[in-house]
Amino acid sequence: MGDDPAFCDKCQAAYLVDKRVLTVLTDDYVHPTPGFPAPVTSETISWPAGCCVCARPATRGVEAKAHDGETGTNAAVAAAGLALGSIAVRTGGGTTYTLRIPHCAEHDDGAKLEIESNNKPPLKIRFRSYAYQRRFLELNPKPAKAA
């Protein structure tokens, strides 16, 4: 299959394209690498129950890290990182964020954390599991825009 999943603009269904063949993904699809994005839009994270890959009971949190190499990191990003319960370490070379993401004993590669310095929100988690990503988005909705 192709690289990362894409989403229909109208219905938000996930799909992959490989050699001009479009495949709509089933609800329980698990990608080989973390490809289903979920923005971190709040100062607190609600994790869905279970492992972020297979939904079996989570027995541990696996660290996911992202480093913002810019020394002039937006103060709101640093504050959000600390409030998320992650470890935000500011050094002369930028800021590193760490989240502990729920995994079972069999999985350790179900998600990764990314920083997009010019985007709001700048923190994003990518999951391998389409179902887990959707549950995460339900528990962590985007805040309503102020009128």
C-alpha atoms as a PDB file:
ATOM      1  CA  MET A   1       0.000   0.000   0.000  1.00  0.00           C
ATOM      2  CA  GLY A   2       0.953   3.662  -0.219  1.00  0.00           C
ATOM      3  CA  ASP A   3       2.647   5.740   2.438  1.00  0.00           C
ATOM      4  CA  ASP A   4       0.424   7.543   4.929  1.00  0.00           C
ATOM      5  CA  PRO A   5      -3.365   7.319   5.032  1.00  0.00           C
ATOM      6  CA  ALA A   6      -5.343  10.224   3.599  1.00  0.00           C
ATOM      7  CA  PHE A   7      -8.839  11.444   4.444  1.00  0.00           C
ATOM      8  CA  CYS A   8     -11.845  12.301   2.280  1.00  0.00           C
ATOM      9  CA  ASP A   9     -12.651  16.019   2.553  1.00  0.00           C
ATOM     10  CA  LYS A  10     -16.401  15.352   2.542  1.00  0.00           C
ATOM     11  CA  CYS A  11     -16.925  12.264   4.728  1.00  0.00           C
ATOM     12  CA  GLN A  12     -13.540  12.055   6.509  1.00  0.00           C
ATOM     13  CA  ALA A  13     -13.180   8.340   5.627  1.00  0.00           C
ATOM     14  CA  ALA A  14      -9.564   7.173   5.638  1.00  0.00           C
ATOM     15  CA  TYR A  15      -8.038   5.649   2.521  1.00  0.00           C
ATOM     16  CA  LEU A  16      -4.741   4.598   0.951  1.00  0.00           C
ATOM     17  CA  VAL A  17      -3.693   4.997  -2.666  1.00  0.00           C
ATOM     18  CA  ASP A  18      -1.304   2.528  -4.273  1.00  0.00           C
ATOM     19  CA  LYS A  19      -0.602   2.559  -7.994  1.00  0.00           C
ATOM     20  CA  ARG A  20      -3.740   4.620  -8.635  1.00  0.00           C
ATOM     21  CA  VAL A  21      -5.935   2.172  -6.696  1.00  0.00           C
ATOM     22  CA  LEU A  22      -7.898   3.743  -3.848  1.00  0.00           C
ATOM     23  CA  THR A  23      -8.625   1.490  -0.863  1.00  0.00           C
ATOM     24  CA  VAL A  24     -11.053   2.698   1.817  1.00  0.00           C
ATOM     25  CA  LEU A  25      -9.801   1.515   5.199  1.00  0.00           C
ATOM     26  CA  THR A  26     -11.819  -0.675   7.538  1.00  0.00           C
ATOM     27  CA  ASP A  27     -12.565   0.561  11.044  1.00  0.00           C
ATOM     28  CA  ASP A  28     -10.017  -1.827  12.589  1.00  0.00           C
ATOM     29  CA  TYR A  29      -7.158  -1.056  10.162  1.00  0.00           C
ATOM     30  CA  VAL A  30      -3.659  -0.810  11.688  1.00  0.00           C
ATOM     31  CA  HIS A  31      -1.004   0.902   9.554  1.00  0.00           C
ATOM     32  CA  PRO A  32       2.591  -0.432   9.547  1.00  0.00           C
ATOM     33  CA  THR A  33       3.836   2.935  10.855  1.00  0.00           C
ATOM     34  CA  PRO A  34       2.143   5.750  12.805  1.00  0.00           C
ATOM     35  CA  GLY A  35       0.126   7.582  10.154  1.00  0.00           C
ATOM     36  CA  PHE A  36      -3.218   8.641  11.654  1.00  0.00           C
ATOM     37  CA  PRO A  37      -2.815  12.190  13.021  1.00  0.00           C
ATOM     38  CA  ALA A  38      -4.492  13.645  16.084  1.00  0.00           C
ATOM     39  CA  PRO A  39      -3.729  17.212  17.132  1.00  0.00           C
ATOM     40  CA  VAL A  40      -3.127  17.909  20.799  1.00  0.00           C
ATOM     41  CA  THR A  41      -5.641  20.696  21.310  1.00  0.00           C
ATOM     42  CA  SER A  42      -6.021  20.881  25.065  1.00  0.00           C
ATOM     43  CA  GLU A  43      -3.876  21.196  28.137  1.00  0.00           C
ATOM     44  CA  THR A  44      -5.055  17.757  29.308  1.00  0.00           C
ATOM     45  CA  ILE A  45      -5.162  14.486  27.366  1.00  0.00           C
ATOM     46  CA  SER A  46      -7.820  11.816  27.810  1.00  0.00           C
ATOM     47  CA  TRP A  47      -6.454   8.469  26.630  1.00  0.00           C
ATOM     48  CA  PRO A  48      -8.831   5.840  25.235  1.00  0.00           C
ATOM     49  CA  ALA A  49      -8.843   2.571  27.176  1.00  0.00           C
ATOM     50  CA  GLY A  50      -6.370  -0.050  26.027  1.00  0.00           C
ATOM     51  CA  CYS A  51      -3.254  -0.334  23.917  1.00  0.00           C
ATOM     52  CA  CYS A  52      -2.983   2.262  21.138  1.00  0.00           C
ATOM     53  CA  VAL A  53      -2.330  -0.530  18.603  1.00  0.00           C
ATOM     54  CA  CYS A  54      -4.559  -3.497  19.492  1.00  0.00           C
ATOM     55  CA  ALA A  55      -6.937  -2.156  22.209  1.00  0.00           C
ATOM     56  CA  ARG A  56      -5.984  -4.963  24.621  1.00  0.00           C
ATOM     57  CA  PRO A  57      -5.408  -3.745  28.199  1.00  0.00           C
ATOM     58  CA  ALA A  58      -2.534  -1.278  28.358  1.00  0.00           C
ATOM     59  CA  THR A  59       0.157  -2.396  30.771  1.00  0.00           C
ATOM     60  CA  ARG A  60       2.619   0.458  30.312  1.00  0.00           C
ATOM     61  CA  GLY A  61       3.237   3.838  28.769  1.00  0.00           C
ATOM     62  CA  VAL A  62       5.820   3.997  25.999  1.00  0.00           C
ATOM     63  CA  GLU A  63       7.610   7.309  25.670  1.00  0.00           C
ATOM     64  CA  ALA A  64       7.155   9.296  22.477  1.00  0.00           C
ATOM     65  CA  LYS A  65       9.419  12.323  22.066  1.00  0.00           C
ATOM     66  CA  ALA A  66       9.540  15.331  19.785  1.00  0.00           C
ATOM     67  CA  HIS A  67      12.168  18.045  19.723  1.00  0.00           C
ATOM     68  CA  ASP A  68      11.641  21.631  18.669  1.00  0.00           C
ATOM     69  CA  GLY A  69      15.083  22.875  17.698  1.00  0.00           C
ATOM     70  CA  GLU A  70      14.068  26.513  17.685  1.00  0.00           C
ATOM     71  CA  THR A  71      15.434  28.383  20.680  1.00  0.00           C
ATOM     72  CA  GLY A  72      12.646  30.957  20.451  1.00  0.00           C
ATOM     73  CA  THR A  73       9.881  28.404  20.970  1.00  0.00           C
ATOM     74  CA  ASN A  74       6.425  29.860  21.420  1.00  0.00           C
ATOM     75  CA  ALA A  75       5.783  30.162  25.175  1.00  0.00           C
ATOM     76  CA  ALA A  76       2.275  28.750  24.705  1.00  0.00           C
ATOM     77  CA  VAL A  77       3.766  25.547  23.273  1.00  0.00           C
ATOM     78  CA  ALA A  78       6.048  25.133  26.264  1.00  0.00           C
ATOM     79  CA  ALA A  79       3.181  25.794  28.691  1.00  0.00           C
ATOM     80  CA  ALA A  80       0.936  23.309  26.865  1.00  0.00           C
ATOM     81  CA  GLY A  81       3.681  20.686  26.993  1.00  0.00           C
ATOM     82  CA  LEU A  82       4.049  21.043  30.735  1.00  0.00           C
ATOM     83  CA  ALA A  83       0.296  21.045  31.345  1.00  0.00           C
ATOM     84  CA  LEU A  84      -0.120  17.865  29.282  1.00  0.00           C
ATOM     85  CA  GLY A  85       1.822  15.993  31.910  1.00  0.00           C
ATOM     86  CA  SER A  86       4.640  15.533  29.464  1.00  0.00           C
ATOM     87  CA  ILE A  87       8.191  16.429  30.221  1.00  0.00           C
ATOM     88  CA  ALA A  88       9.157  19.656  28.499  1.00  0.00           C
ATOM     89  CA  VAL A  89      12.895  20.176  28.771  1.00  0.00           C
ATOM     90  CA  ARG A  90      14.112  23.551  27.575  1.00  0.00           C
ATOM     91  CA  THR A  91      17.751  23.653  26.587  1.00  0.00           C
ATOM     92  CA  GLY A  92      19.847  26.119  24.630  1.00  0.00           C
ATOM     93  CA  GLY A  93      18.962  24.097  21.555  1.00  0.00           C
ATOM     94  CA  GLY A  94      15.163  24.152  21.882  1.00  0.00           C
ATOM     95  CA  THR A  95      12.488  22.165  23.697  1.00  0.00           C
ATOM     96  CA  THR A  96      11.909  18.419  23.945  1.00  0.00           C
ATOM     97  CA  TYR A  97       8.421  17.050  24.707  1.00  0.00           C
ATOM     98  CA  THR A  98       7.787  13.561  26.016  1.00  0.00           C
ATOM     99  CA  LEU A  99       4.434  11.765  26.342  1.00  0.00           C
ATOM    100  CA  ARG A 100       3.819   8.297  27.749  1.00  0.00           C
ATOM    101  CA  ILE A 101       1.376   6.642  25.343  1.00  0.00           C
ATOM    102  CA  PRO A 102      -0.606   3.535  26.434  1.00  0.00           C
ATOM    103  CA  HIS A 103       0.692   0.211  25.040  1.00  0.00           C
ATOM    104  CA  CYS A 104       0.290  -3.463  25.917  1.00  0.00           C
ATOM    105  CA  ALA A 105       3.270  -5.749  26.590  1.00  0.00           C
ATOM    106  CA  GLU A 106       3.386  -6.855  22.923  1.00  0.00           C
ATOM    107  CA  HIS A 107       3.551  -3.426  21.266  1.00  0.00           C
ATOM    108  CA  ASP A 108       5.954  -0.518  21.574  1.00  0.00           C
ATOM    109  CA  ASP A 109       5.601   1.299  18.249  1.00  0.00           C
ATOM    110  CA  GLY A 110       1.970   2.397  18.159  1.00  0.00           C
ATOM    111  CA  ALA A 111       2.416   6.158  18.080  1.00  0.00           C
ATOM    112  CA  LYS A 112       4.814   9.030  17.634  1.00  0.00           C
ATOM    113  CA  LEU A 113       4.784  12.661  18.711  1.00  0.00           C
ATOM    114  CA  GLU A 114       5.480  15.511  16.299  1.00  0.00           C
ATOM    115  CA  ILE A 115       5.940  19.255  16.561  1.00  0.00           C
ATOM    116  CA  GLU A 116       4.921  21.526  13.707  1.00  0.00           C
ATOM    117  CA  SER A 117       6.330  24.871  14.790  1.00  0.00           C
ATOM    118  CA  ASN A 118       4.266  27.014  12.434  1.00  0.00           C
ATOM    119  CA  ASN A 119       0.937  25.260  13.013  1.00  0.00           C
ATOM    120  CA  LYS A 120      -1.713  25.639  15.697  1.00  0.00           C
ATOM    121  CA  PRO A 121      -1.889  23.421  17.575  1.00  0.00           C
ATOM    122  CA  PRO A 122       1.804  22.632  17.159  1.00  0.00           C
ATOM    123  CA  LEU A 123       1.771  19.243  18.924  1.00  0.00           C
ATOM    124  CA  LYS A 124       0.440  16.207  17.057  1.00  0.00           C
ATOM    125  CA  ILE A 125       0.297  12.488  17.852  1.00  0.00           C
ATOM    126  CA  ARG A 126       0.282   9.979  14.988  1.00  0.00           C
ATOM    127  CA  PHE A 127      -1.206   6.533  15.703  1.00  0.00           C
ATOM    128  CA  ARG A 128      -0.912   3.242  13.816  1.00  0.00           C
ATOM    129  CA  SER A 129      -4.486   2.249  14.697  1.00  0.00           C
ATOM    130  CA  TYR A 130      -7.315   3.986  12.828  1.00  0.00           C
ATOM    131  CA  ALA A 131      -9.800   2.952  15.554  1.00  0.00           C
ATOM    132  CA  TYR A 132      -7.611   4.333  18.351  1.00  0.00           C
ATOM    133  CA  GLN A 133      -7.099   7.619  16.489  1.00  0.00           C
ATOM    134  CA  ARG A 134     -10.873   8.045  16.126  1.00  0.00           C
ATOM    135  CA  ARG A 135     -11.479   7.242  19.829  1.00  0.00           C
ATOM    136  CA  PHE A 136      -8.717   9.693  20.785  1.00  0.00           C
ATOM    137  CA  LEU A 137     -10.346  12.445  18.678  1.00  0.00           C
ATOM    138  CA  GLU A 138     -13.732  11.756  20.323  1.00  0.00           C
ATOM    139  CA  LEU A 139     -12.228  12.090  23.809  1.00  0.00           C
ATOM    140  CA  ASN A 140     -10.088  15.101  22.880  1.00  0.00           C
ATOM    141  CA  PRO A 141     -12.230  17.293  20.589  1.00  0.00           C
ATOM    142  CA  LYS A 142     -10.963  20.509  19.114  1.00  0.00           C
ATOM    143  CA  PRO A 143     -12.077  23.490  21.189  1.00  0.00           C
ATOM    144  CA  ALA A 144     -14.877  25.575  19.697  1.00  0.00           C
ATOM    145  CA  LYS A 145     -13.640  28.678  17.940  1.00  0.00           C
ATOM    146  CA  ALA A 146     -14.472  31.949  19.641  1.00  0.00           C
ATOM    147  CA  ALA A 147     -16.973  34.039  17.733  1.00  0.00           C
END
